[in-house]
Amino acid sequence: MLIGHSYGGLCAQHFARSHPFMINALLLVDSTSVNLHRLDDLMLPVMDAEDDAAWLETCRIYSGKTSEELKDVIAPGCVLGLPTLLNEKLEDFQWNPLMYAAMYSEVTWWKEDAMIMKNGPGFPQIPLTVVARDKEYVIRQEDGLPEWEKRIFETLWEKLMYEQSELTDDSRFIIAEESGHAVHLDRPDVVVEAFHHLAEKVHLNEGAG
């Protein structure tokens, strides 16, 4: 069983297509869609001004720094509710230059990667659960973006999430209420429940087989 969040969801989908006999179930958590390019066609002037170029350049610069140098420019992040040990691991992760090298590669090539997936092997008929963020929760957040732009963007994002649930005949689509993109942090209970539900389906399928 694989769980994939965000870009990791795209990687998990690629694995399922490429190695259908090595996977029994898939859980996608607000996963990147192979059709994410459709968001680029939206006319959203404020959101469009925040393109990937600046973030890519930041990732490129950070990837050439040492962990100690990154500590001087990136404030430690702390997730409320997580044990101290896990927060320390998250801090070490955000100060790892390899993470920024990976992010630079992912953002640079994801559209080409998506096209390779779409033109490659089909998706296997395995149990699938897609967990999407709460559109209304995201729209309510105070982030300086126009509400009408966020509503258009989030409506299409939710549609892309739902379309992923149509990859198989044995699927479930869940909206994690009161969660943003980091569903695993905002609503870990939803992710855990979805995992156990899939694990039970795999168990029953193996028993039937």
C-alpha atoms as a PDB file:
ATOM      1  CA  MET A   1       0.000   0.000   0.000  1.00  0.00           C
ATOM      2  CA  LEU A   2       1.214   3.458  -0.855  1.00  0.00           C
ATOM      3  CA  ILE A   3       0.230   6.839   0.541  1.00  0.00           C
ATOM      4  CA  GLY A   4       1.090   9.903  -1.531  1.00  0.00           C
ATOM      5  CA  HIS A   5       0.601  13.549  -0.558  1.00  0.00           C
ATOM      6  CA  SER A   6       0.916  16.499  -2.954  1.00  0.00           C
ATOM      7  CA  TYR A   7       3.701  15.778  -5.488  1.00  0.00           C
ATOM      8  CA  GLY A   8       4.234  12.473  -3.697  1.00  0.00           C
ATOM      9  CA  GLY A   9       0.760  11.509  -4.886  1.00  0.00           C
ATOM     10  CA  LEU A  10       1.895  11.943  -8.486  1.00  0.00           C
ATOM     11  CA  CYS A  11       4.909   9.730  -7.739  1.00  0.00           C
ATOM     12  CA  ALA A  12       2.630   7.111  -6.151  1.00  0.00           C
ATOM     13  CA  GLN A  13       0.354   7.126  -9.208  1.00  0.00           C
ATOM     14  CA  HIS A  14       3.382   6.627 -11.450  1.00  0.00           C
ATOM     15  CA  PHE A  15       4.523   3.668  -9.340  1.00  0.00           C
ATOM     16  CA  ALA A  16       1.069   2.091  -9.510  1.00  0.00           C
ATOM     17  CA  ARG A  17       1.003   2.411 -13.293  1.00  0.00           C
ATOM     18  CA  SER A  18       4.554   1.152 -13.717  1.00  0.00           C
ATOM     19  CA  HIS A  19       4.424  -1.714 -11.181  1.00  0.00           C
ATOM     20  CA  PRO A  20       0.763  -2.817 -10.990  1.00  0.00           C
ATOM     21  CA  PHE A  21       1.618  -6.206  -9.474  1.00  0.00           C
ATOM     22  CA  MET A  22       3.592  -4.662  -6.615  1.00  0.00           C
ATOM     23  CA  ILE A  23       0.770  -2.558  -5.178  1.00  0.00           C
ATOM     24  CA  ASN A  24      -2.472  -3.603  -3.487  1.00  0.00           C
ATOM     25  CA  ALA A  25      -4.035  -0.214  -2.706  1.00  0.00           C
ATOM     26  CA  LEU A  26      -3.366   3.495  -2.993  1.00  0.00           C
ATOM     27  CA  LEU A  27      -4.226   6.464  -0.783  1.00  0.00           C
ATOM     28  CA  LEU A  28      -3.877   9.899  -2.388  1.00  0.00           C
ATOM     29  CA  VAL A  29      -3.898  12.886  -0.019  1.00  0.00           C
ATOM     30  CA  ASP A  30      -4.596  16.176  -1.820  1.00  0.00           C
ATOM     31  CA  SER A  31      -2.446  14.744  -4.566  1.00  0.00           C
ATOM     32  CA  THR A  32      -0.983  16.524  -7.555  1.00  0.00           C
ATOM     33  CA  SER A  33      -3.056  15.666 -10.628  1.00  0.00           C
ATOM     34  CA  VAL A  34      -1.633  14.695 -14.008  1.00  0.00           C
ATOM     35  CA  ASN A  35      -3.962  17.428 -15.308  1.00  0.00           C
ATOM     36  CA  LEU A  36      -2.691  20.168 -13.004  1.00  0.00           C
ATOM     37  CA  HIS A  37      -1.803  22.196 -16.115  1.00  0.00           C
ATOM     38  CA  ARG A  38      -5.515  23.051 -16.382  1.00  0.00           C
ATOM     39  CA  LEU A  39      -5.018  25.440 -13.465  1.00  0.00           C
ATOM     40  CA  ASP A  40      -2.661  27.473 -15.650  1.00  0.00           C
ATOM     41  CA  ASP A  41      -5.531  28.274 -18.003  1.00  0.00           C
ATOM     42  CA  LEU A  42      -7.485  30.124 -15.294  1.00  0.00           C
ATOM     43  CA  MET A  43      -7.484  33.921 -15.540  1.00  0.00           C
ATOM     44  CA  LEU A  44      -6.420  34.859 -12.003  1.00  0.00           C
ATOM     45  CA  PRO A  45      -4.325  38.050 -12.145  1.00  0.00           C
ATOM     46  CA  VAL A  46      -3.212  38.187  -8.509  1.00  0.00           C
ATOM     47  CA  MET A  47      -2.459  34.477  -8.168  1.00  0.00           C
ATOM     48  CA  ASP A  48      -0.802  34.389 -11.608  1.00  0.00           C
ATOM     49  CA  ALA A  49       1.635  37.066 -10.463  1.00  0.00           C
ATOM     50  CA  GLU A  50       3.055  34.533  -8.005  1.00  0.00           C
ATOM     51  CA  ASP A  51       4.634  32.280 -10.617  1.00  0.00           C
ATOM     52  CA  ASP A  52       7.075  29.431 -10.023  1.00  0.00           C
ATOM     53  CA  ALA A  53      10.142  31.335 -11.235  1.00  0.00           C
ATOM     54  CA  ALA A  54      10.957  33.031  -7.919  1.00  0.00           C
ATOM     55  CA  TRP A  55      10.410  29.855  -5.908  1.00  0.00           C
ATOM     56  CA  LEU A  56      12.539  27.848  -8.367  1.00  0.00           C
ATOM     57  CA  GLU A  57      15.367  30.341  -8.013  1.00  0.00           C
ATOM     58  CA  THR A  58      15.112  30.125  -4.217  1.00  0.00           C
ATOM     59  CA  CYS A  59      15.273  26.326  -4.367  1.00  0.00           C
ATOM     60  CA  ARG A  60      18.276  26.497  -6.685  1.00  0.00           C
ATOM     61  CA  ILE A  61      20.131  28.814  -4.299  1.00  0.00           C
ATOM     62  CA  TYR A  62      19.187  26.812  -1.187  1.00  0.00           C
ATOM     63  CA  SER A  63      20.297  23.553  -2.816  1.00  0.00           C
ATOM     64  CA  GLY A  64      23.850  24.952  -3.007  1.00  0.00           C
ATOM     65  CA  LYS A  65      24.028  25.849   0.676  1.00  0.00           C
ATOM     66  CA  THR A  66      25.068  23.721   3.627  1.00  0.00           C
ATOM     67  CA  SER A  67      22.655  22.786   6.400  1.00  0.00           C
ATOM     68  CA  GLU A  68      24.353  25.272   8.714  1.00  0.00           C
ATOM     69  CA  GLU A  69      23.956  28.063   6.150  1.00  0.00           C
ATOM     70  CA  LEU A  70      20.275  27.204   5.695  1.00  0.00           C
ATOM     71  CA  LYS A  71      19.727  27.556   9.436  1.00  0.00           C
ATOM     72  CA  ASP A  72      20.761  31.212   9.111  1.00  0.00           C
ATOM     73  CA  VAL A  73      18.106  31.997   6.474  1.00  0.00           C
ATOM     74  CA  ILE A  74      15.227  29.648   7.363  1.00  0.00           C
ATOM     75  CA  ALA A  75      13.500  30.023  10.707  1.00  0.00           C
ATOM     76  CA  PRO A  76      12.756  26.751  12.507  1.00  0.00           C
ATOM     77  CA  GLY A  77       9.242  25.512  11.848  1.00  0.00           C
ATOM     78  CA  CYS A  78       7.135  24.052  14.616  1.00  0.00           C
ATOM     79  CA  VAL A  79       3.851  22.209  14.120  1.00  0.00           C
ATOM     80  CA  LEU A  80       1.571  22.544  17.120  1.00  0.00           C
ATOM     81  CA  GLY A  81       0.493  19.219  18.562  1.00  0.00           C
ATOM     82  CA  LEU A  82       3.448  17.191  17.284  1.00  0.00           C
ATOM     83  CA  PRO A  83       5.894  15.614  19.744  1.00  0.00           C
ATOM     84  CA  THR A  84       9.196  17.423  20.170  1.00  0.00           C
ATOM     85  CA  LEU A  85      11.145  14.626  18.453  1.00  0.00           C
ATOM     86  CA  LEU A  86       9.003  14.868  15.311  1.00  0.00           C
ATOM     87  CA  ASN A  87       9.306  18.660  15.214  1.00  0.00           C
ATOM     88  CA  GLU A  88      13.080  18.290  15.454  1.00  0.00           C
ATOM     89  CA  LYS A  89      13.012  15.891  12.504  1.00  0.00           C
ATOM     90  CA  LEU A  90      10.934  18.386  10.507  1.00  0.00           C
ATOM     91  CA  GLU A  91      13.455  21.125  11.257  1.00  0.00           C
ATOM     92  CA  ASP A  92      16.330  18.917  10.095  1.00  0.00           C
ATOM     93  CA  PHE A  93      14.366  18.168   6.921  1.00  0.00           C
ATOM     94  CA  GLN A  94      13.795  21.839   6.061  1.00  0.00           C
ATOM     95  CA  TRP A  95      17.478  22.552   6.576  1.00  0.00           C
ATOM     96  CA  ASN A  96      18.565  19.766   4.207  1.00  0.00           C
ATOM     97  CA  PRO A  97      19.841  21.189   0.880  1.00  0.00           C
ATOM     98  CA  LEU A  98      18.914  17.937  -0.876  1.00  0.00           C
ATOM     99  CA  MET A  99      15.240  18.712  -0.237  1.00  0.00           C
ATOM    100  CA  TYR A 100      15.528  21.943  -2.218  1.00  0.00           C
ATOM    101  CA  ALA A 101      17.400  20.206  -5.028  1.00  0.00           C
ATOM    102  CA  ALA A 102      14.562  17.674  -5.228  1.00  0.00           C
ATOM    103  CA  MET A 103      11.906  20.402  -5.172  1.00  0.00           C
ATOM    104  CA  TYR A 104      13.707  22.281  -7.948  1.00  0.00           C
ATOM    105  CA  SER A 105      13.673  19.156 -10.098  1.00  0.00           C
ATOM    106  CA  GLU A 106      10.045  18.341  -9.295  1.00  0.00           C
ATOM    107  CA  VAL A 107       8.662  21.783 -10.151  1.00  0.00           C
ATOM    108  CA  THR A 108      10.819  22.056 -13.278  1.00  0.00           C
ATOM    109  CA  TRP A 109       9.801  18.722 -14.780  1.00  0.00           C
ATOM    110  CA  TRP A 110       6.381  17.903 -13.363  1.00  0.00           C
ATOM    111  CA  LYS A 111       4.426  18.813 -16.502  1.00  0.00           C
ATOM    112  CA  GLU A 112       6.660  16.628 -18.671  1.00  0.00           C
ATOM    113  CA  ASP A 113       6.428  13.856 -16.074  1.00  0.00           C
ATOM    114  CA  ALA A 114       2.629  14.119 -16.073  1.00  0.00           C
ATOM    115  CA  MET A 115       2.499  13.742 -19.852  1.00  0.00           C
ATOM    116  CA  ILE A 116       4.706  10.651 -19.665  1.00  0.00           C
ATOM    117  CA  MET A 117       2.282   9.170 -17.132  1.00  0.00           C
ATOM    118  CA  LYS A 118      -0.802  10.014 -19.184  1.00  0.00           C
ATOM    119  CA  ASN A 119       0.691   8.396 -22.293  1.00  0.00           C
ATOM    120  CA  GLY A 120       2.058   5.394 -20.425  1.00  0.00           C
ATOM    121  CA  PRO A 121       0.496   2.282 -18.874  1.00  0.00           C
ATOM    122  CA  GLY A 122      -3.066   2.459 -17.573  1.00  0.00           C
ATOM    123  CA  PHE A 123      -3.983   2.596 -13.907  1.00  0.00           C
ATOM    124  CA  PRO A 124      -4.503  -0.818 -12.246  1.00  0.00           C
ATOM    125  CA  GLN A 125      -7.882  -1.851 -10.819  1.00  0.00           C
ATOM    126  CA  ILE A 126      -6.905  -1.592  -7.148  1.00  0.00           C
ATOM    127  CA  PRO A 127      -8.698  -0.094  -4.130  1.00  0.00           C
ATOM    128  CA  LEU A 128      -8.167   3.664  -4.160  1.00  0.00           C
ATOM    129  CA  THR A 129      -9.063   6.442  -1.749  1.00  0.00           C
ATOM    130  CA  VAL A 130      -8.652  10.120  -2.591  1.00  0.00           C
ATOM    131  CA  VAL A 131      -8.673  12.600   0.298  1.00  0.00           C
ATOM    132  CA  ALA A 132      -9.067  16.238  -0.732  1.00  0.00           C
ATOM    133  CA  ARG A 133      -8.705  19.442   1.234  1.00  0.00           C
ATOM    134  CA  ASP A 134     -11.717  21.487   2.303  1.00  0.00           C
ATOM    135  CA  LYS A 135     -12.361  24.101  -0.393  1.00  0.00           C
ATOM    136  CA  GLU A 136     -14.359  26.400   1.869  1.00  0.00           C
ATOM    137  CA  TYR A 137     -11.763  26.186   4.645  1.00  0.00           C
ATOM    138  CA  VAL A 138      -8.999  27.270   2.243  1.00  0.00           C
ATOM    139  CA  ILE A 139     -11.098  30.111   0.847  1.00  0.00           C
ATOM    140  CA  ARG A 140     -11.721  31.453   4.376  1.00  0.00           C
ATOM    141  CA  GLN A 141      -8.018  31.797   5.138  1.00  0.00           C
ATOM    142  CA  GLU A 142      -6.634  35.334   5.342  1.00  0.00           C
ATOM    143  CA  ASP A 143      -3.790  35.300   2.836  1.00  0.00           C
ATOM    144  CA  GLY A 144      -4.269  38.522   0.900  1.00  0.00           C
ATOM    145  CA  LEU A 145      -5.667  36.798  -2.185  1.00  0.00           C
ATOM    146  CA  PRO A 146      -9.040  37.833  -3.658  1.00  0.00           C
ATOM    147  CA  GLU A 147     -11.812  35.512  -2.565  1.00  0.00           C
ATOM    148  CA  TRP A 148     -13.207  35.214  -6.089  1.00  0.00           C
ATOM    149  CA  GLU A 149      -9.831  34.038  -7.397  1.00  0.00           C
ATOM    150  CA  LYS A 150      -9.483  31.492  -4.617  1.00  0.00           C
ATOM    151  CA  ARG A 151     -12.999  30.178  -5.241  1.00  0.00           C
ATOM    152  CA  ILE A 152     -12.307  29.627  -8.947  1.00  0.00           C
ATOM    153  CA  PHE A 153      -8.962  27.988  -8.199  1.00  0.00           C
ATOM    154  CA  GLU A 154     -10.238  25.791  -5.369  1.00  0.00           C
ATOM    155  CA  THR A 155     -13.300  24.672  -7.353  1.00  0.00           C
ATOM    156  CA  LEU A 156     -11.087  23.362 -10.146  1.00  0.00           C
ATOM    157  CA  TRP A 157      -8.616  21.861  -7.665  1.00  0.00           C
ATOM    158  CA  GLU A 158     -11.432  19.905  -6.026  1.00  0.00           C
ATOM    159  CA  LYS A 159     -12.602  18.731  -9.458  1.00  0.00           C
ATOM    160  CA  LEU A 160      -9.090  17.503 -10.261  1.00  0.00           C
ATOM    161  CA  MET A 161      -9.047  15.615  -6.956  1.00  0.00           C
ATOM    162  CA  TYR A 162     -12.401  14.010  -7.711  1.00  0.00           C
ATOM    163  CA  GLU A 163     -11.259  12.985 -11.182  1.00  0.00           C
ATOM    164  CA  GLN A 164      -8.439  11.021  -9.574  1.00  0.00           C
ATOM    165  CA  SER A 165     -11.017   8.924  -7.748  1.00  0.00           C
ATOM    166  CA  GLU A 166     -12.281   7.826 -11.173  1.00  0.00           C
ATOM    167  CA  LEU A 167      -9.008   6.034 -11.932  1.00  0.00           C
ATOM    168  CA  THR A 168     -10.498   2.772 -10.644  1.00  0.00           C
ATOM    169  CA  ASP A 169     -13.917   1.209 -10.160  1.00  0.00           C
ATOM    170  CA  ASP A 170     -13.128   0.533  -6.488  1.00  0.00           C
ATOM    171  CA  SER A 171     -12.577   4.026  -5.117  1.00  0.00           C
ATOM    172  CA  ARG A 172     -13.691   6.443  -2.431  1.00  0.00           C
ATOM    173  CA  PHE A 173     -13.565  10.256  -2.436  1.00  0.00           C
ATOM    174  CA  ILE A 174     -13.337  12.119   0.873  1.00  0.00           C
ATOM    175  CA  ILE A 175     -13.212  15.815   1.663  1.00  0.00           C
ATOM    176  CA  ALA A 176     -11.285  16.381   4.885  1.00  0.00           C
ATOM    177  CA  GLU A 177     -13.304  19.133   6.524  1.00  0.00           C
ATOM    178  CA  GLU A 178     -11.399  22.028   8.101  1.00  0.00           C
ATOM    179  CA  SER A 179      -8.140  21.131   6.379  1.00  0.00           C
ATOM    180  CA  GLY A 180      -5.835  22.822   3.926  1.00  0.00           C
ATOM    181  CA  HIS A 181      -3.259  21.220   1.642  1.00  0.00           C
ATOM    182  CA  ALA A 182      -1.439  19.655   4.609  1.00  0.00           C
ATOM    183  CA  VAL A 183      -4.325  17.305   5.386  1.00  0.00           C
ATOM    184  CA  HIS A 184      -2.007  14.976   7.293  1.00  0.00           C
ATOM    185  CA  LEU A 185      -1.324  17.810   9.759  1.00  0.00           C
ATOM    186  CA  ASP A 186      -4.751  19.472   9.844  1.00  0.00           C
ATOM    187  CA  ARG A 187      -6.821  16.257   9.930  1.00  0.00           C
ATOM    188  CA  PRO A 188      -4.555  13.273  10.598  1.00  0.00           C
ATOM    189  CA  ASP A 189      -7.602  11.358  11.842  1.00  0.00           C
ATOM    190  CA  VAL A 190      -9.073  11.406   8.325  1.00  0.00           C
ATOM    191  CA  VAL A 191      -5.855  10.048   6.814  1.00  0.00           C
ATOM    192  CA  VAL A 192      -5.582   7.332   9.458  1.00  0.00           C
ATOM    193  CA  GLU A 193      -9.197   6.257   8.967  1.00  0.00           C
ATOM    194  CA  ALA A 194      -8.744   6.154   5.196  1.00  0.00           C
ATOM    195  CA  PHE A 195      -5.628   4.019   5.574  1.00  0.00           C
ATOM    196  CA  HIS A 196      -7.328   1.517   7.883  1.00  0.00           C
ATOM    197  CA  HIS A 197     -10.309   1.323   5.537  1.00  0.00           C
ATOM    198  CA  LEU A 198      -8.021   0.457   2.633  1.00  0.00           C
ATOM    199  CA  ALA A 199      -6.037  -2.010   4.729  1.00  0.00           C
ATOM    200  CA  GLU A 200      -9.251  -3.848   5.585  1.00  0.00           C
ATOM    201  CA  LYS A 201     -10.208  -4.002   1.896  1.00  0.00           C
ATOM    202  CA  VAL A 202      -6.790  -5.435   1.026  1.00  0.00           C
ATOM    203  CA  HIS A 203      -7.131  -7.986   3.813  1.00  0.00           C
ATOM    204  CA  LEU A 204     -10.583  -9.066   2.561  1.00  0.00           C
ATOM    205  CA  ASN A 205      -9.364  -9.249  -1.030  1.00  0.00           C
ATOM    206  CA  GLU A 206      -6.419 -11.437  -0.033  1.00  0.00           C
ATOM    207  CA  GLY A 207      -8.750 -13.701   1.899  1.00  0.00           C
ATOM    208  CA  ALA A 208     -11.062 -13.998  -1.078  1.00  0.00           C
ATOM    209  CA  GLY A 209      -8.126 -14.729  -3.360  1.00  0.00           C
END
